[in-house]
Amino acid sequence: LWAPDGPGPFPAIMFCHGGYELNSSNVAACRPFLDAGYVVLFPALRGENGNPGSYELLMGEVDDAAAAARWLAAQPFVDRGRIYAFGHSLGGGVLELLT
């Protein structure tokens, strides 16, 4: 989670990455949002990046993304009326099934 300095509330972006792992290129791609004053959340889902569980190919990962979105909305520094999500590759598939 990256958050701007200050009391907020701030708009927020949840970025669901592709490629079965969160890496530095994903973080670099989202840097402009932080620079623009957004909170940025990179959820790492089950079975990846050393997390427990098994990768389920768009089943449990959708549940994980929903839980991450709920957690993000509950943060006091986040503007709940301005929460957005986007994904790359498989992360886009996760988000498509989330809606």
C-alpha atoms as a PDB file:
ATOM      1  CA  LEU A   1       0.000   0.000   0.000  1.00  0.00           C
ATOM      2  CA  TRP A   2       1.254   3.421  -0.931  1.00  0.00           C
ATOM      3  CA  ALA A   3      -0.474   6.499   0.443  1.00  0.00           C
ATOM      4  CA  PRO A   4       0.216  10.194  -0.032  1.00  0.00           C
ATOM      5  CA  ASP A   5       1.222  12.366   2.895  1.00  0.00           C
ATOM      6  CA  GLY A   6      -1.533  14.223   4.684  1.00  0.00           C
ATOM      7  CA  PRO A   7      -4.820  13.475   6.387  1.00  0.00           C
ATOM      8  CA  GLY A   8      -6.912  12.646   3.305  1.00  0.00           C
ATOM      9  CA  PRO A   9      -9.311  11.373   2.364  1.00  0.00           C
ATOM     10  CA  PHE A  10      -7.624  10.473  -0.902  1.00  0.00           C
ATOM     11  CA  PRO A  11      -8.900   8.732  -4.033  1.00  0.00           C
ATOM     12  CA  ALA A  12      -7.641   5.172  -4.316  1.00  0.00           C
ATOM     13  CA  ILE A  13      -6.582   2.707  -7.006  1.00  0.00           C
ATOM     14  CA  MET A  14      -6.399  -1.062  -6.548  1.00  0.00           C
ATOM     15  CA  PHE A  15      -4.081  -2.556  -9.176  1.00  0.00           C
ATOM     16  CA  CYS A  16      -4.392  -6.268  -9.910  1.00  0.00           C
ATOM     17  CA  HIS A  17      -1.251  -7.373 -11.689  1.00  0.00           C
ATOM     18  CA  GLY A  18      -0.782 -10.092 -14.263  1.00  0.00           C
ATOM     19  CA  GLY A  19       1.851 -12.759 -14.592  1.00  0.00           C
ATOM     20  CA  TYR A  20       1.232 -14.568 -11.301  1.00  0.00           C
ATOM     21  CA  GLU A  21       3.559 -12.304  -9.350  1.00  0.00           C
ATOM     22  CA  LEU A  22       3.804  -8.743  -8.189  1.00  0.00           C
ATOM     23  CA  ASN A  23       7.093  -7.235  -9.275  1.00  0.00           C
ATOM     24  CA  SER A  24       8.898  -3.926  -9.561  1.00  0.00           C
ATOM     25  CA  SER A  25       7.623  -3.199 -13.079  1.00  0.00           C
ATOM     26  CA  ASN A  26       4.046  -3.294 -11.754  1.00  0.00           C
ATOM     27  CA  VAL A  27       4.982  -0.867  -9.008  1.00  0.00           C
ATOM     28  CA  ALA A  28       6.705   1.464 -11.485  1.00  0.00           C
ATOM     29  CA  ALA A  29       3.622   1.474 -13.728  1.00  0.00           C
ATOM     30  CA  CYS A  30       1.493   2.768 -10.861  1.00  0.00           C
ATOM     31  CA  ARG A  31       3.873   5.446  -9.629  1.00  0.00           C
ATOM     32  CA  PRO A  32       2.054   8.221 -11.575  1.00  0.00           C
ATOM     33  CA  PHE A  33      -1.085   7.562  -9.513  1.00  0.00           C
ATOM     34  CA  LEU A  34       0.763   8.035  -6.242  1.00  0.00           C
ATOM     35  CA  ASP A  35       2.386  11.159  -7.632  1.00  0.00           C
ATOM     36  CA  ALA A  36      -1.117  12.438  -8.484  1.00  0.00           C
ATOM     37  CA  GLY A  37      -2.301  11.944  -4.887  1.00  0.00           C
ATOM     38  CA  TYR A  38      -3.919   8.519  -5.036  1.00  0.00           C
ATOM     39  CA  VAL A  39      -3.626   5.730  -2.520  1.00  0.00           C
ATOM     40  CA  VAL A  40      -2.374   2.670  -4.438  1.00  0.00           C
ATOM     41  CA  LEU A  41      -3.018  -0.898  -3.268  1.00  0.00           C
ATOM     42  CA  PHE A  42      -1.286  -3.893  -4.847  1.00  0.00           C
ATOM     43  CA  PRO A  43      -3.049  -6.983  -3.510  1.00  0.00           C
ATOM     44  CA  ALA A  44      -0.920 -10.136  -3.652  1.00  0.00           C
ATOM     45  CA  LEU A  45      -3.318 -13.033  -4.065  1.00  0.00           C
ATOM     46  CA  ARG A  46      -3.301 -16.617  -2.833  1.00  0.00           C
ATOM     47  CA  GLY A  47      -0.567 -18.913  -4.046  1.00  0.00           C
ATOM     48  CA  GLU A  48       1.695 -16.134  -5.367  1.00  0.00           C
ATOM     49  CA  ASN A  49       4.585 -14.108  -4.018  1.00  0.00           C
ATOM     50  CA  GLY A  50       5.043 -16.628  -1.217  1.00  0.00           C
ATOM     51  CA  ASN A  51       1.436 -16.340   0.004  1.00  0.00           C
ATOM     52  CA  PRO A  52      -0.253 -19.426   1.412  1.00  0.00           C
ATOM     53  CA  GLY A  53      -2.799 -21.339  -0.604  1.00  0.00           C
ATOM     54  CA  SER A  54      -2.900 -22.639  -4.131  1.00  0.00           C
ATOM     55  CA  TYR A  55      -3.433 -20.708  -7.303  1.00  0.00           C
ATOM     56  CA  GLU A  56      -7.001 -21.400  -8.480  1.00  0.00           C
ATOM     57  CA  LEU A  57      -7.116 -19.644 -11.900  1.00  0.00           C
ATOM     58  CA  LEU A  58      -9.803 -16.984 -11.376  1.00  0.00           C
ATOM     59  CA  MET A  59     -11.741 -18.601  -8.562  1.00  0.00           C
ATOM     60  CA  GLY A  60     -10.385 -17.879  -5.083  1.00  0.00           C
ATOM     61  CA  GLU A  61      -8.320 -15.008  -6.462  1.00  0.00           C
ATOM     62  CA  VAL A  62     -11.555 -13.133  -7.174  1.00  0.00           C
ATOM     63  CA  ASP A  63     -12.522 -13.599  -3.513  1.00  0.00           C
ATOM     64  CA  ASP A  64      -9.107 -12.264  -2.520  1.00  0.00           C
ATOM     65  CA  ALA A  65      -9.561  -9.179  -4.718  1.00  0.00           C
ATOM     66  CA  ALA A  66     -13.008  -8.547  -3.221  1.00  0.00           C
ATOM     67  CA  ALA A  67     -11.553  -8.764   0.284  1.00  0.00           C
ATOM     68  CA  ALA A  68      -8.757  -6.364  -0.703  1.00  0.00           C
ATOM     69  CA  ALA A  69     -11.297  -3.863  -2.086  1.00  0.00           C
ATOM     70  CA  ARG A  70     -13.341  -4.039   1.128  1.00  0.00           C
ATOM     71  CA  TRP A  71     -10.203  -3.509   3.203  1.00  0.00           C
ATOM     72  CA  LEU A  72      -9.200  -0.527   1.069  1.00  0.00           C
ATOM     73  CA  ALA A  73     -12.649   1.062   1.434  1.00  0.00           C
ATOM     74  CA  ALA A  74     -12.447   0.694   5.222  1.00  0.00           C
ATOM     75  CA  GLN A  75      -9.253   2.754   5.548  1.00  0.00           C
ATOM     76  CA  PRO A  76      -9.963   6.171   7.110  1.00  0.00           C
ATOM     77  CA  PHE A  77      -7.670   8.019   4.699  1.00  0.00           C
ATOM     78  CA  VAL A  78      -9.484   6.678   1.594  1.00  0.00           C
ATOM     79  CA  ASP A  79     -12.348   8.549  -0.103  1.00  0.00           C
ATOM     80  CA  ARG A  80     -14.880   5.719  -0.443  1.00  0.00           C
ATOM     81  CA  GLY A  81     -16.632   7.562  -3.271  1.00  0.00           C
ATOM     82  CA  ARG A  82     -13.466   7.548  -5.395  1.00  0.00           C
ATOM     83  CA  ILE A  83     -12.101   4.007  -5.368  1.00  0.00           C
ATOM     84  CA  TYR A  84     -11.048   2.589  -8.722  1.00  0.00           C
ATOM     85  CA  ALA A  85      -9.566  -0.696  -9.876  1.00  0.00           C
ATOM     86  CA  PHE A  86      -7.590  -1.721 -12.906  1.00  0.00           C
ATOM     87  CA  GLY A  87      -5.636  -4.754 -13.886  1.00  0.00           C
ATOM     88  CA  HIS A  88      -3.113  -5.995 -16.355  1.00  0.00           C
ATOM     89  CA  SER A  89      -3.459  -9.317 -18.148  1.00  0.00           C
ATOM     90  CA  LEU A  90      -4.739 -11.906 -15.676  1.00  0.00           C
ATOM     91  CA  GLY A  91      -5.345  -9.119 -13.143  1.00  0.00           C
ATOM     92  CA  GLY A  92      -7.842  -7.629 -15.583  1.00  0.00           C
ATOM     93  CA  GLY A  93      -9.606 -10.989 -15.686  1.00  0.00           C
ATOM     94  CA  VAL A  94      -9.801 -11.068 -11.895  1.00  0.00           C
ATOM     95  CA  LEU A  95     -11.382  -7.619 -11.881  1.00  0.00           C
ATOM     96  CA  GLU A  96     -13.823  -8.474 -14.664  1.00  0.00           C
ATOM     97  CA  LEU A  97     -15.143 -11.335 -12.559  1.00  0.00           C
ATOM     98  CA  LEU A  98     -15.207  -9.147  -9.458  1.00  0.00           C
ATOM     99  CA  THR A  99     -17.955  -6.901 -10.814  1.00  0.00           C
END
